[in-house]
Amino acid sequence: MTGPTPLDRLDRLSSELGIDLWLKRDDLTGLGFGGNKTRQLEFYLGDAQEQGADTILITGAVQSNYVRSAAAAAAKLGMQSVLQLEERVPDMGGEYYSSGNVLLAKILGAEHMSYPEGEDEAGADAALHARAAELKSQGRKPYVIHLGLNHPPLGALGYVAAGQELCRQMPDADAVIVPSGSGATHGGLLTGMAVEENAASVFGVCVRRDREKQTTRMNTVLQKLADLLDIDAAPLQSKVNVLDEALPPGYGKLSGMTRAALEKMARTEGIFLDPVYSAKTFAGLLHLVNTREIQPGQKVVMIHTGGLPALFGYQSALLDDPT
């Protein structure tokens, strides 16, 4: 991170939607095409450096922005990277496996592994540890960035700082909209704003699990994050508000609702969103406006989490006639 990311007003959408809409440009965090994961990786890679690591290992979906960002961060610090790609999104075309983030990670020189399940966090972590043990036997010093919830969410600290940064930039926001997947970005942001005693509502848009499952996950993330910060988790957990109307047909899959949101942002403001996170987030925001959970005239901030290279892995879906 080179400094705070911009906060841009979306004038045309503000006029069309009847709200005061702003975009927090975490797609411009800089490193390796940017995105929200840069903030999280500062803490994981800092810990890795303290431990003398020379190789990082991480798991994500095939078009994961996280693993691409991790490979870029490792390269910048003179480390090697091992990226384990899960089969999390079924029935995708050939470009999904060769373009976008996959191509960038190969250019960055990352080693690739595959994992056949998309909902087995413990198994994916175990596979990384097995590869780490092999590397260690070869004299390497591996560092595993875990997928599961049985480890401290160090990366979420990056979004505690981001929440505080946003409060300094815009202390009078009425609502903030953020994607809610692993929970690190959503949970960190909510915590950072709560620490600053900011009263804005924080809405998490489900991108991987339904409302009930994501609420349970968020409560766990917030407890572990509160333990790291030595604060009370209960007030944070009481602020969890997730919506799953934009989730179907599932993680990494486009619906008409998500595609319409992606195209509206591009054709109204000239800003691209990614199909997996930010387009669903904007679709959730539009839903909140339509249902009046966001009121006319309110000042609203959407967190743009980046992920734009993934657009090229979805070209077949985006070129098809919308359903």
C-alpha atoms as a PDB file:
ATOM      1  CA  MET A   1       0.000   0.000   0.000  1.00  0.00           C
ATOM      2  CA  THR A   2       1.354   3.410  -0.971  1.00  0.00           C
ATOM      3  CA  GLY A   3      -1.334   5.408   0.834  1.00  0.00           C
ATOM      4  CA  PRO A   4      -5.100   5.829   1.295  1.00  0.00           C
ATOM      5  CA  THR A   5      -7.212   4.837  -1.703  1.00  0.00           C
ATOM      6  CA  PRO A   6      -9.418   7.479  -3.352  1.00  0.00           C
ATOM      7  CA  LEU A   7     -13.062   8.080  -2.531  1.00  0.00           C
ATOM      8  CA  ASP A   8     -14.875   9.061  -5.743  1.00  0.00           C
ATOM      9  CA  ARG A   9     -18.414  10.428  -6.071  1.00  0.00           C
ATOM     10  CA  LEU A  10     -20.515   8.699  -8.732  1.00  0.00           C
ATOM     11  CA  ASP A  11     -22.452  11.694 -10.007  1.00  0.00           C
ATOM     12  CA  ARG A  12     -24.637  10.066 -12.663  1.00  0.00           C
ATOM     13  CA  LEU A  13     -25.616   7.089 -10.507  1.00  0.00           C
ATOM     14  CA  SER A  14     -26.268   9.402  -7.560  1.00  0.00           C
ATOM     15  CA  SER A  15     -28.726  11.345  -9.697  1.00  0.00           C
ATOM     16  CA  GLU A  16     -30.368   8.222 -11.118  1.00  0.00           C
ATOM     17  CA  LEU A  17     -30.722   6.423  -7.786  1.00  0.00           C
ATOM     18  CA  GLY A  18     -31.609   9.450  -5.680  1.00  0.00           C
ATOM     19  CA  ILE A  19     -28.768   8.919  -3.198  1.00  0.00           C
ATOM     20  CA  ASP A  20     -25.330  10.430  -2.611  1.00  0.00           C
ATOM     21  CA  LEU A  21     -23.203   7.535  -3.863  1.00  0.00           C
ATOM     22  CA  TRP A  22     -19.430   7.244  -3.418  1.00  0.00           C
ATOM     23  CA  LEU A  23     -16.950   4.526  -4.396  1.00  0.00           C
ATOM     24  CA  LYS A  24     -13.999   3.616  -2.170  1.00  0.00           C
ATOM     25  CA  ARG A  25     -11.415   2.675  -4.780  1.00  0.00           C
ATOM     26  CA  ASP A  26      -9.681  -0.326  -3.251  1.00  0.00           C
ATOM     27  CA  ASP A  27      -9.293  -1.554  -6.805  1.00  0.00           C
ATOM     28  CA  LEU A  28      -6.437   0.996  -6.860  1.00  0.00           C
ATOM     29  CA  THR A  29      -4.286  -0.412  -4.057  1.00  0.00           C
ATOM     30  CA  GLY A  30      -1.489  -0.666  -6.586  1.00  0.00           C
ATOM     31  CA  LEU A  31       0.322  -3.983  -6.391  1.00  0.00           C
ATOM     32  CA  GLY A  32      -0.272  -6.494  -9.201  1.00  0.00           C
ATOM     33  CA  PHE A  33      -3.565  -5.019 -10.508  1.00  0.00           C
ATOM     34  CA  GLY A  34      -4.648  -3.961  -7.019  1.00  0.00           C
ATOM     35  CA  GLY A  35      -7.691  -5.061  -5.051  1.00  0.00           C
ATOM     36  CA  ASN A  36      -8.713  -5.465  -1.440  1.00  0.00           C
ATOM     37  CA  LYS A  37      -6.370  -8.369  -0.755  1.00  0.00           C
ATOM     38  CA  THR A  38      -3.345  -6.068  -0.788  1.00  0.00           C
ATOM     39  CA  ARG A  39      -4.435  -4.678   2.584  1.00  0.00           C
ATOM     40  CA  GLN A  40      -4.761  -8.173   4.035  1.00  0.00           C
ATOM     41  CA  LEU A  41      -1.452  -9.391   2.625  1.00  0.00           C
ATOM     42  CA  GLU A  42       0.481  -6.605   4.336  1.00  0.00           C
ATOM     43  CA  PHE A  43      -0.164  -8.365   7.643  1.00  0.00           C
ATOM     44  CA  TYR A  44       0.386 -11.936   6.451  1.00  0.00           C
ATOM     45  CA  LEU A  45       3.569 -11.098   4.558  1.00  0.00           C
ATOM     46  CA  GLY A  46       4.837  -9.023   7.465  1.00  0.00           C
ATOM     47  CA  ASP A  47       4.397 -12.053   9.708  1.00  0.00           C
ATOM     48  CA  ALA A  48       6.069 -14.270   7.098  1.00  0.00           C
ATOM     49  CA  GLN A  49       9.075 -11.959   6.948  1.00  0.00           C
ATOM     50  CA  GLU A  50       9.391 -11.941  10.736  1.00  0.00           C
ATOM     51  CA  GLN A  51       9.519 -15.729  10.642  1.00  0.00           C
ATOM     52  CA  GLY A  52      12.214 -15.700   7.942  1.00  0.00           C
ATOM     53  CA  ALA A  53       9.986 -17.332   5.315  1.00  0.00           C
ATOM     54  CA  ASP A  54      11.095 -17.571   1.699  1.00  0.00           C
ATOM     55  CA  THR A  55       7.938 -19.170   0.250  1.00  0.00           C
ATOM     56  CA  ILE A  56       4.247 -18.480   0.811  1.00  0.00           C
ATOM     57  CA  LEU A  57       1.433 -20.965   0.192  1.00  0.00           C
ATOM     58  CA  ILE A  58      -2.204 -19.964  -0.270  1.00  0.00           C
ATOM     59  CA  THR A  59      -5.510 -21.402  -1.534  1.00  0.00           C
ATOM     60  CA  GLY A  60      -8.234 -19.787  -3.638  1.00  0.00           C
ATOM     61  CA  ALA A  61     -10.634 -20.358  -6.507  1.00  0.00           C
ATOM     62  CA  VAL A  62      -9.196 -20.752 -10.000  1.00  0.00           C
ATOM     63  CA  GLN A  63      -9.756 -17.053 -10.751  1.00  0.00           C
ATOM     64  CA  SER A  64      -8.890 -15.954  -7.215  1.00  0.00           C
ATOM     65  CA  ASN A  65      -7.762 -12.357  -6.836  1.00  0.00           C
ATOM     66  CA  TYR A  66      -6.238 -13.281  -3.494  1.00  0.00           C
ATOM     67  CA  VAL A  67      -3.773 -15.818  -4.870  1.00  0.00           C
ATOM     68  CA  ARG A  68      -2.801 -13.499  -7.747  1.00  0.00           C
ATOM     69  CA  SER A  69      -2.195 -10.670  -5.274  1.00  0.00           C
ATOM     70  CA  ALA A  70      -0.229 -13.025  -3.028  1.00  0.00           C
ATOM     71  CA  ALA A  71       2.013 -14.046  -5.928  1.00  0.00           C
ATOM     72  CA  ALA A  72       2.651 -10.383  -6.740  1.00  0.00           C
ATOM     73  CA  ALA A  73       3.414  -9.521  -3.107  1.00  0.00           C
ATOM     74  CA  ALA A  74       5.766 -12.498  -2.826  1.00  0.00           C
ATOM     75  CA  ALA A  75       7.598 -11.458  -5.988  1.00  0.00           C
ATOM     76  CA  LYS A  76       8.025  -7.915  -4.692  1.00  0.00           C
ATOM     77  CA  LEU A  77       9.562  -9.251  -1.471  1.00  0.00           C
ATOM     78  CA  GLY A  78      11.832 -11.769  -3.209  1.00  0.00           C
ATOM     79  CA  MET A  79       9.803 -14.803  -2.100  1.00  0.00           C
ATOM     80  CA  GLN A  80       8.434 -17.769  -4.011  1.00  0.00           C
ATOM     81  CA  SER A  81       4.698 -18.522  -4.083  1.00  0.00           C
ATOM     82  CA  VAL A  82       2.676 -21.722  -4.220  1.00  0.00           C
ATOM     83  CA  LEU A  83      -0.936 -21.214  -5.290  1.00  0.00           C
ATOM     84  CA  GLN A  84      -3.498 -23.953  -4.708  1.00  0.00           C
ATOM     85  CA  LEU A  85      -6.529 -23.488  -6.961  1.00  0.00           C
ATOM     86  CA  GLU A  86      -9.841 -25.008  -5.868  1.00  0.00           C
ATOM     87  CA  GLU A  87     -12.537 -26.241  -8.198  1.00  0.00           C
ATOM     88  CA  ARG A  88     -15.085 -23.878  -6.679  1.00  0.00           C
ATOM     89  CA  VAL A  89     -17.040 -22.843  -9.800  1.00  0.00           C
ATOM     90  CA  PRO A  90     -18.372 -25.692 -11.979  1.00  0.00           C
ATOM     91  CA  ASP A  91     -19.031 -25.711 -15.722  1.00  0.00           C
ATOM     92  CA  MET A  92     -16.730 -22.894 -16.760  1.00  0.00           C
ATOM     93  CA  GLY A  93     -15.192 -22.443 -20.208  1.00  0.00           C
ATOM     94  CA  GLY A  94     -11.567 -22.947 -21.176  1.00  0.00           C
ATOM     95  CA  GLU A  95     -10.640 -19.273 -20.799  1.00  0.00           C
ATOM     96  CA  TYR A  96     -11.528 -19.507 -17.093  1.00  0.00           C
ATOM     97  CA  TYR A  97      -8.533 -21.826 -16.621  1.00  0.00           C
ATOM     98  CA  SER A  98      -6.024 -19.936 -18.765  1.00  0.00           C
ATOM     99  CA  SER A  99      -6.700 -16.181 -18.746  1.00  0.00           C
ATOM    100  CA  GLY A 100      -7.244 -13.448 -16.177  1.00  0.00           C
ATOM    101  CA  ASN A 101      -5.702 -14.150 -12.796  1.00  0.00           C
ATOM    102  CA  VAL A 102      -4.376 -17.554 -13.912  1.00  0.00           C
ATOM    103  CA  LEU A 103      -2.319 -15.932 -16.660  1.00  0.00           C
ATOM    104  CA  LEU A 104      -1.027 -13.198 -14.343  1.00  0.00           C
ATOM    105  CA  ALA A 105       0.040 -15.713 -11.693  1.00  0.00           C
ATOM    106  CA  LYS A 106       1.986 -17.667 -14.306  1.00  0.00           C
ATOM    107  CA  ILE A 107       3.745 -14.494 -15.445  1.00  0.00           C
ATOM    108  CA  LEU A 108       4.632 -13.892 -11.781  1.00  0.00           C
ATOM    109  CA  GLY A 109       6.339 -17.301 -11.674  1.00  0.00           C
ATOM    110  CA  ALA A 110       4.039 -18.940  -9.139  1.00  0.00           C
ATOM    111  CA  GLU A 111       3.908 -22.706  -8.620  1.00  0.00           C
ATOM    112  CA  HIS A 112       0.386 -24.062  -9.095  1.00  0.00           C
ATOM    113  CA  MET A 113      -1.401 -26.877  -7.288  1.00  0.00           C
ATOM    114  CA  SER A 114      -5.011 -27.970  -7.633  1.00  0.00           C
ATOM    115  CA  TYR A 115      -7.592 -29.056  -5.081  1.00  0.00           C
ATOM    116  CA  PRO A 116     -10.772 -30.841  -6.202  1.00  0.00           C
ATOM    117  CA  GLU A 117     -13.227 -29.485  -3.627  1.00  0.00           C
ATOM    118  CA  GLY A 118     -14.565 -25.957  -3.286  1.00  0.00           C
ATOM    119  CA  GLU A 119     -16.066 -26.219   0.175  1.00  0.00           C
ATOM    120  CA  ASP A 120     -13.423 -28.069   2.158  1.00  0.00           C
ATOM    121  CA  GLU A 121     -11.357 -25.421   3.892  1.00  0.00           C
ATOM    122  CA  ALA A 122      -9.750 -27.839   6.357  1.00  0.00           C
ATOM    123  CA  GLY A 123      -8.741 -30.232   3.582  1.00  0.00           C
ATOM    124  CA  ALA A 124      -7.351 -27.426   1.449  1.00  0.00           C
ATOM    125  CA  ASP A 125      -5.262 -26.147   4.362  1.00  0.00           C
ATOM    126  CA  ALA A 126      -4.029 -29.670   5.075  1.00  0.00           C
ATOM    127  CA  ALA A 127      -2.916 -30.040   1.450  1.00  0.00           C
ATOM    128  CA  LEU A 128      -0.946 -26.802   1.735  1.00  0.00           C
ATOM    129  CA  HIS A 129       0.732 -28.025   4.912  1.00  0.00           C
ATOM    130  CA  ALA A 130       1.695 -31.260   3.154  1.00  0.00           C
ATOM    131  CA  ARG A 131       3.350 -29.263   0.372  1.00  0.00           C
ATOM    132  CA  ALA A 132       4.971 -26.990   2.977  1.00  0.00           C
ATOM    133  CA  ALA A 133       6.466 -30.044   4.669  1.00  0.00           C
ATOM    134  CA  GLU A 134       7.997 -31.132   1.340  1.00  0.00           C
ATOM    135  CA  LEU A 135       9.466 -27.677   0.833  1.00  0.00           C
ATOM    136  CA  LYS A 136      10.836 -27.644   4.350  1.00  0.00           C
ATOM    137  CA  SER A 137      12.584 -30.974   3.726  1.00  0.00           C
ATOM    138  CA  GLN A 138      14.284 -29.305   0.759  1.00  0.00           C
ATOM    139  CA  GLY A 139      15.645 -26.526   2.960  1.00  0.00           C
ATOM    140  CA  ARG A 140      12.971 -23.952   2.153  1.00  0.00           C
ATOM    141  CA  LYS A 141      11.144 -21.868   4.781  1.00  0.00           C
ATOM    142  CA  PRO A 142       7.434 -21.998   3.920  1.00  0.00           C
ATOM    143  CA  TYR A 143       4.619 -19.848   5.336  1.00  0.00           C
ATOM    144  CA  VAL A 144       0.976 -20.942   4.959  1.00  0.00           C
ATOM    145  CA  ILE A 145      -1.822 -18.406   4.615  1.00  0.00           C
ATOM    146  CA  HIS A 146      -4.784 -20.417   5.870  1.00  0.00           C
ATOM    147  CA  LEU A 147      -8.244 -20.599   4.369  1.00  0.00           C
ATOM    148  CA  GLY A 148     -10.103 -22.030   7.375  1.00  0.00           C
ATOM    149  CA  LEU A 149     -11.367 -20.304  10.498  1.00  0.00           C
ATOM    150  CA  ASN A 150      -9.152 -22.166  12.962  1.00  0.00           C
ATOM    151  CA  HIS A 151      -6.423 -19.549  12.723  1.00  0.00           C
ATOM    152  CA  PRO A 152      -6.152 -15.866  13.720  1.00  0.00           C
ATOM    153  CA  PRO A 153      -7.541 -13.636  10.918  1.00  0.00           C
ATOM    154  CA  LEU A 154      -4.425 -11.495  10.537  1.00  0.00           C
ATOM    155  CA  GLY A 155      -5.568 -10.236   7.150  1.00  0.00           C
ATOM    156  CA  ALA A 156      -8.705  -8.727   8.657  1.00  0.00           C
ATOM    157  CA  LEU A 157      -6.471  -6.225  10.452  1.00  0.00           C
ATOM    158  CA  GLY A 158      -5.882  -4.631   7.054  1.00  0.00           C
ATOM    159  CA  TYR A 159      -9.563  -3.748   6.902  1.00  0.00           C
ATOM    160  CA  VAL A 160      -9.664  -2.534  10.471  1.00  0.00           C
ATOM    161  CA  ALA A 161      -7.193   0.068   9.220  1.00  0.00           C
ATOM    162  CA  ALA A 162      -9.303   0.597   6.084  1.00  0.00           C
ATOM    163  CA  GLY A 163     -12.409   1.212   8.197  1.00  0.00           C
ATOM    164  CA  GLN A 164     -10.540   3.835  10.181  1.00  0.00           C
ATOM    165  CA  GLU A 165      -9.228   5.355   6.937  1.00  0.00           C
ATOM    166  CA  LEU A 166     -12.770   5.598   5.560  1.00  0.00           C
ATOM    167  CA  CYS A 167     -14.013   7.278   8.739  1.00  0.00           C
ATOM    168  CA  ARG A 168     -11.352   9.961   8.333  1.00  0.00           C
ATOM    169  CA  GLN A 169     -12.253  10.458   4.683  1.00  0.00           C
ATOM    170  CA  MET A 170     -16.020  10.506   5.181  1.00  0.00           C
ATOM    171  CA  PRO A 171     -17.161  10.648   8.814  1.00  0.00           C
ATOM    172  CA  ASP A 172     -20.789  11.391   7.872  1.00  0.00           C
ATOM    173  CA  ALA A 173     -21.598   8.352   5.709  1.00  0.00           C
ATOM    174  CA  ASP A 174     -25.011   6.827   6.352  1.00  0.00           C
ATOM    175  CA  ALA A 175     -24.252   3.364   4.931  1.00  0.00           C
ATOM    176  CA  VAL A 176     -21.309   1.332   3.652  1.00  0.00           C
ATOM    177  CA  ILE A 177     -21.699  -1.660   1.295  1.00  0.00           C
ATOM    178  CA  VAL A 178     -19.041  -4.374   1.096  1.00  0.00           C
ATOM    179  CA  PRO A 179     -18.814  -7.935  -0.263  1.00  0.00           C
ATOM    180  CA  SER A 180     -18.949 -10.647   2.374  1.00  0.00           C
ATOM    181  CA  GLY A 181     -17.076 -13.855   1.520  1.00  0.00           C
ATOM    182  CA  SER A 182     -14.294 -15.046   3.812  1.00  0.00           C
ATOM    183  CA  GLY A 183     -15.443 -12.345   6.244  1.00  0.00           C
ATOM    184  CA  ALA A 184     -12.024 -10.705   6.579  1.00  0.00           C
ATOM    185  CA  THR A 185     -12.851  -7.578   4.558  1.00  0.00           C
ATOM    186  CA  HIS A 186     -16.389  -7.235   5.915  1.00  0.00           C
ATOM    187  CA  GLY A 187     -15.405  -8.022   9.503  1.00  0.00           C
ATOM    188  CA  GLY A 188     -12.338  -5.803   9.493  1.00  0.00           C
ATOM    189  CA  LEU A 189     -14.215  -2.863   8.000  1.00  0.00           C
ATOM    190  CA  LEU A 190     -17.069  -3.176  10.483  1.00  0.00           C
ATOM    191  CA  THR A 191     -14.584  -3.391  13.363  1.00  0.00           C
ATOM    192  CA  GLY A 192     -12.513  -0.431  12.199  1.00  0.00           C
ATOM    193  CA  MET A 193     -15.587   1.763  11.899  1.00  0.00           C
ATOM    194  CA  ALA A 194     -16.877   0.620  15.290  1.00  0.00           C
ATOM    195  CA  VAL A 195     -13.529   1.435  16.903  1.00  0.00           C
ATOM    196  CA  GLU A 196     -13.940   4.967  15.488  1.00  0.00           C
ATOM    197  CA  GLU A 197     -17.490   5.075  16.934  1.00  0.00           C
ATOM    198  CA  ASN A 198     -18.901   5.669  13.469  1.00  0.00           C
ATOM    199  CA  ALA A 199     -22.669   5.202  13.269  1.00  0.00           C
ATOM    200  CA  ALA A 200     -22.951   4.221   9.577  1.00  0.00           C
ATOM    201  CA  SER A 201     -24.750   0.981   8.787  1.00  0.00           C
ATOM    202  CA  VAL A 202     -22.472  -1.665   7.249  1.00  0.00           C
ATOM    203  CA  PHE A 203     -24.166  -4.034   4.786  1.00  0.00           C
ATOM    204  CA  GLY A 204     -22.356  -7.196   3.713  1.00  0.00           C
ATOM    205  CA  VAL A 205     -23.417  -8.668   0.365  1.00  0.00           C
ATOM    206  CA  CYS A 206     -23.102 -12.462   0.334  1.00  0.00           C
ATOM    207  CA  VAL A 207     -20.931 -13.760  -2.499  1.00  0.00           C
ATOM    208  CA  ARG A 208     -20.383 -17.360  -1.408  1.00  0.00           C
ATOM    209  CA  ARG A 209     -22.867 -18.471   1.295  1.00  0.00           C
ATOM    210  CA  ASP A 210     -26.476 -17.701   2.098  1.00  0.00           C
ATOM    211  CA  ARG A 211     -27.493 -15.198   4.763  1.00  0.00           C
ATOM    212  CA  GLU A 212     -27.752 -17.713   7.614  1.00  0.00           C
ATOM    213  CA  LYS A 213     -24.391 -19.406   6.958  1.00  0.00           C
ATOM    214  CA  GLN A 214     -22.635 -16.105   6.363  1.00  0.00           C
ATOM    215  CA  THR A 215     -23.999 -14.606   9.580  1.00  0.00           C
ATOM    216  CA  THR A 216     -22.597 -17.569  11.500  1.00  0.00           C
ATOM    217  CA  ARG A 217     -19.235 -17.164   9.790  1.00  0.00           C
ATOM    218  CA  MET A 218     -19.153 -13.437  10.477  1.00  0.00           C
ATOM    219  CA  ASN A 219     -19.782 -13.998  14.176  1.00  0.00           C
ATOM    220  CA  THR A 220     -16.791 -16.358  14.284  1.00  0.00           C
ATOM    221  CA  VAL A 221     -14.530 -13.976  12.360  1.00  0.00           C
ATOM    222  CA  LEU A 222     -15.512 -11.058  14.590  1.00  0.00           C
ATOM    223  CA  GLN A 223     -14.835 -13.078  17.738  1.00  0.00           C
ATOM    224  CA  LYS A 224     -11.361 -14.062  16.528  1.00  0.00           C
ATOM    225  CA  LEU A 225     -10.649 -10.511  15.387  1.00  0.00           C
ATOM    226  CA  ALA A 226     -11.806  -9.104  18.728  1.00  0.00           C
ATOM    227  CA  ASP A 227      -9.469 -11.575  20.461  1.00  0.00           C
ATOM    228  CA  LEU A 228      -6.559 -10.216  18.377  1.00  0.00           C
ATOM    229  CA  LEU A 229      -7.466  -6.640  19.321  1.00  0.00           C
ATOM    230  CA  ASP A 230      -8.410  -7.461  22.932  1.00  0.00           C
ATOM    231  CA  ILE A 231     -11.874  -5.918  22.601  1.00  0.00           C
ATOM    232  CA  ASP A 232     -15.421  -7.181  23.209  1.00  0.00           C
ATOM    233  CA  ALA A 233     -16.890  -9.028  20.211  1.00  0.00           C
ATOM    234  CA  ALA A 234     -20.551  -8.759  21.219  1.00  0.00           C
ATOM    235  CA  PRO A 235     -21.112  -5.142  20.091  1.00  0.00           C
ATOM    236  CA  LEU A 236     -19.515  -5.997  16.747  1.00  0.00           C
ATOM    237  CA  GLN A 237     -21.591  -9.136  16.277  1.00  0.00           C
ATOM    238  CA  SER A 238     -24.762  -7.160  16.936  1.00  0.00           C
ATOM    239  CA  LYS A 239     -23.945  -5.008  13.882  1.00  0.00           C
ATOM    240  CA  VAL A 240     -23.723  -7.899  11.406  1.00  0.00           C
ATOM    241  CA  ASN A 241     -26.148  -7.284   8.536  1.00  0.00           C
ATOM    242  CA  VAL A 242     -25.846  -9.487   5.458  1.00  0.00           C
ATOM    243  CA  LEU A 243     -28.068  -9.884   2.417  1.00  0.00           C
ATOM    244  CA  ASP A 244     -28.059 -12.715  -0.096  1.00  0.00           C
ATOM    245  CA  GLU A 245     -30.453 -11.567  -2.817  1.00  0.00           C
ATOM    246  CA  ALA A 246     -27.545 -11.179  -5.281  1.00  0.00           C
ATOM    247  CA  LEU A 247     -25.947 -14.555  -4.432  1.00  0.00           C
ATOM    248  CA  PRO A 248     -27.842 -16.932  -6.775  1.00  0.00           C
ATOM    249  CA  PRO A 249     -26.935 -19.047  -8.637  1.00  0.00           C
ATOM    250  CA  GLY A 250     -23.885 -19.289  -6.366  1.00  0.00           C
ATOM    251  CA  TYR A 251     -20.244 -18.320  -5.923  1.00  0.00           C
ATOM    252  CA  GLY A 252     -18.585 -17.137  -9.103  1.00  0.00           C
ATOM    253  CA  LYS A 253     -21.739 -17.510 -11.194  1.00  0.00           C
ATOM    254  CA  LEU A 254     -23.421 -14.681 -13.074  1.00  0.00           C
ATOM    255  CA  SER A 255     -27.129 -14.028 -12.796  1.00  0.00           C
ATOM    256  CA  GLY A 256     -29.141 -11.496 -14.763  1.00  0.00           C
ATOM    257  CA  MET A 257     -29.156  -9.326 -11.640  1.00  0.00           C
ATOM    258  CA  THR A 258     -25.370  -9.370 -11.307  1.00  0.00           C
ATOM    259  CA  ARG A 259     -24.725  -8.854 -15.002  1.00  0.00           C
ATOM    260  CA  ALA A 260     -27.155  -5.925 -15.091  1.00  0.00           C
ATOM    261  CA  ALA A 261     -25.321  -4.316 -12.160  1.00  0.00           C
ATOM    262  CA  LEU A 262     -21.933  -4.818 -13.830  1.00  0.00           C
ATOM    263  CA  GLU A 263     -23.175  -3.266 -17.059  1.00  0.00           C
ATOM    264  CA  LYS A 264     -24.949  -0.378 -15.307  1.00  0.00           C
ATOM    265  CA  MET A 265     -21.755   0.673 -13.523  1.00  0.00           C
ATOM    266  CA  ALA A 266     -19.726   0.448 -16.741  1.00  0.00           C
ATOM    267  CA  ARG A 267     -22.267   2.224 -18.931  1.00  0.00           C
ATOM    268  CA  THR A 268     -23.163   4.942 -16.416  1.00  0.00           C
ATOM    269  CA  GLU A 269     -19.810   5.704 -14.746  1.00  0.00           C
ATOM    270  CA  GLY A 270     -17.190   4.044 -16.989  1.00  0.00           C
ATOM    271  CA  ILE A 271     -16.013   1.875 -14.091  1.00  0.00           C
ATOM    272  CA  PHE A 272     -15.564  -1.885 -14.365  1.00  0.00           C
ATOM    273  CA  LEU A 273     -16.665  -4.340 -11.683  1.00  0.00           C
ATOM    274  CA  ASP A 274     -15.692  -8.001 -11.404  1.00  0.00           C
ATOM    275  CA  PRO A 275     -18.301 -10.774 -11.769  1.00  0.00           C
ATOM    276  CA  VAL A 276     -17.524 -12.533  -8.468  1.00  0.00           C
ATOM    277  CA  TYR A 277     -17.429  -9.805  -5.806  1.00  0.00           C
ATOM    278  CA  SER A 278     -17.928  -6.176  -6.754  1.00  0.00           C
ATOM    279  CA  ALA A 279     -20.720  -6.683  -9.313  1.00  0.00           C
ATOM    280  CA  LYS A 280     -22.702  -8.690  -6.753  1.00  0.00           C
ATOM    281  CA  THR A 281     -21.984  -5.973  -4.206  1.00  0.00           C
ATOM    282  CA  PHE A 282     -23.408  -3.322  -6.500  1.00  0.00           C
ATOM    283  CA  ALA A 283     -26.396  -5.567  -7.257  1.00  0.00           C
ATOM    284  CA  GLY A 284     -26.979  -5.779  -3.501  1.00  0.00           C
ATOM    285  CA  LEU A 285     -26.737  -2.003  -3.218  1.00  0.00           C
ATOM    286  CA  LEU A 286     -29.358  -1.573  -5.955  1.00  0.00           C
ATOM    287  CA  HIS A 287     -31.601  -3.997  -4.075  1.00  0.00           C
ATOM    288  CA  LEU A 288     -31.231  -1.952  -0.876  1.00  0.00           C
ATOM    289  CA  VAL A 289     -32.183   1.203  -2.773  1.00  0.00           C
ATOM    290  CA  ASN A 290     -35.199  -0.484  -4.381  1.00  0.00           C
ATOM    291  CA  THR A 291     -36.458  -1.799  -1.025  1.00  0.00           C
ATOM    292  CA  ARG A 292     -35.819   1.580   0.681  1.00  0.00           C
ATOM    293  CA  GLU A 293     -33.451   0.024   3.208  1.00  0.00           C
ATOM    294  CA  ILE A 294     -31.215   2.738   1.847  1.00  0.00           C
ATOM    295  CA  GLN A 295     -33.291   5.905   1.953  1.00  0.00           C
ATOM    296  CA  PRO A 296     -33.387   8.642  -0.709  1.00  0.00           C
ATOM    297  CA  GLY A 297     -30.724  11.265  -0.121  1.00  0.00           C
ATOM    298  CA  GLN A 298     -28.538   9.104   2.107  1.00  0.00           C
ATOM    299  CA  LYS A 299     -24.757   9.224   1.721  1.00  0.00           C
ATOM    300  CA  VAL A 300     -23.635   5.735   0.716  1.00  0.00           C
ATOM    301  CA  VAL A 301     -20.149   4.286   0.167  1.00  0.00           C
ATOM    302  CA  MET A 302     -19.529   1.099  -1.794  1.00  0.00           C
ATOM    303  CA  ILE A 303     -16.168  -0.608  -1.350  1.00  0.00           C
ATOM    304  CA  HIS A 304     -14.749  -1.518  -4.766  1.00  0.00           C
ATOM    305  CA  THR A 305     -12.635  -4.561  -3.971  1.00  0.00           C
ATOM    306  CA  GLY A 306     -11.052  -4.856  -7.416  1.00  0.00           C
ATOM    307  CA  GLY A 307     -10.675  -8.261  -9.045  1.00  0.00           C
ATOM    308  CA  LEU A 308     -10.828  -6.904 -12.589  1.00  0.00           C
ATOM    309  CA  PRO A 309      -8.504  -9.510 -14.197  1.00  0.00           C
ATOM    310  CA  ALA A 310     -11.231 -12.102 -13.543  1.00  0.00           C
ATOM    311  CA  LEU A 311     -13.411 -10.380 -16.158  1.00  0.00           C
ATOM    312  CA  PHE A 312     -11.303 -12.038 -18.852  1.00  0.00           C
ATOM    313  CA  GLY A 313     -11.984 -15.477 -17.382  1.00  0.00           C
ATOM    314  CA  TYR A 314     -15.723 -14.802 -17.756  1.00  0.00           C
ATOM    315  CA  GLN A 315     -15.759 -13.604 -21.330  1.00  0.00           C
ATOM    316  CA  SER A 316     -18.017 -16.423 -22.580  1.00  0.00           C
ATOM    317  CA  ALA A 317     -20.631 -15.686 -19.925  1.00  0.00           C
ATOM    318  CA  LEU A 318     -20.433 -11.941 -20.517  1.00  0.00           C
ATOM    319  CA  LEU A 319     -20.681 -12.254 -24.316  1.00  0.00           C
ATOM    320  CA  ASP A 320     -23.705 -14.558 -24.172  1.00  0.00           C
ATOM    321  CA  ASP A 321     -27.143 -13.017 -24.448  1.00  0.00           C
ATOM    322  CA  PRO A 322     -28.343 -12.171 -20.896  1.00  0.00           C
ATOM    323  CA  THR A 323     -30.854 -14.559 -19.350  1.00  0.00           C
END
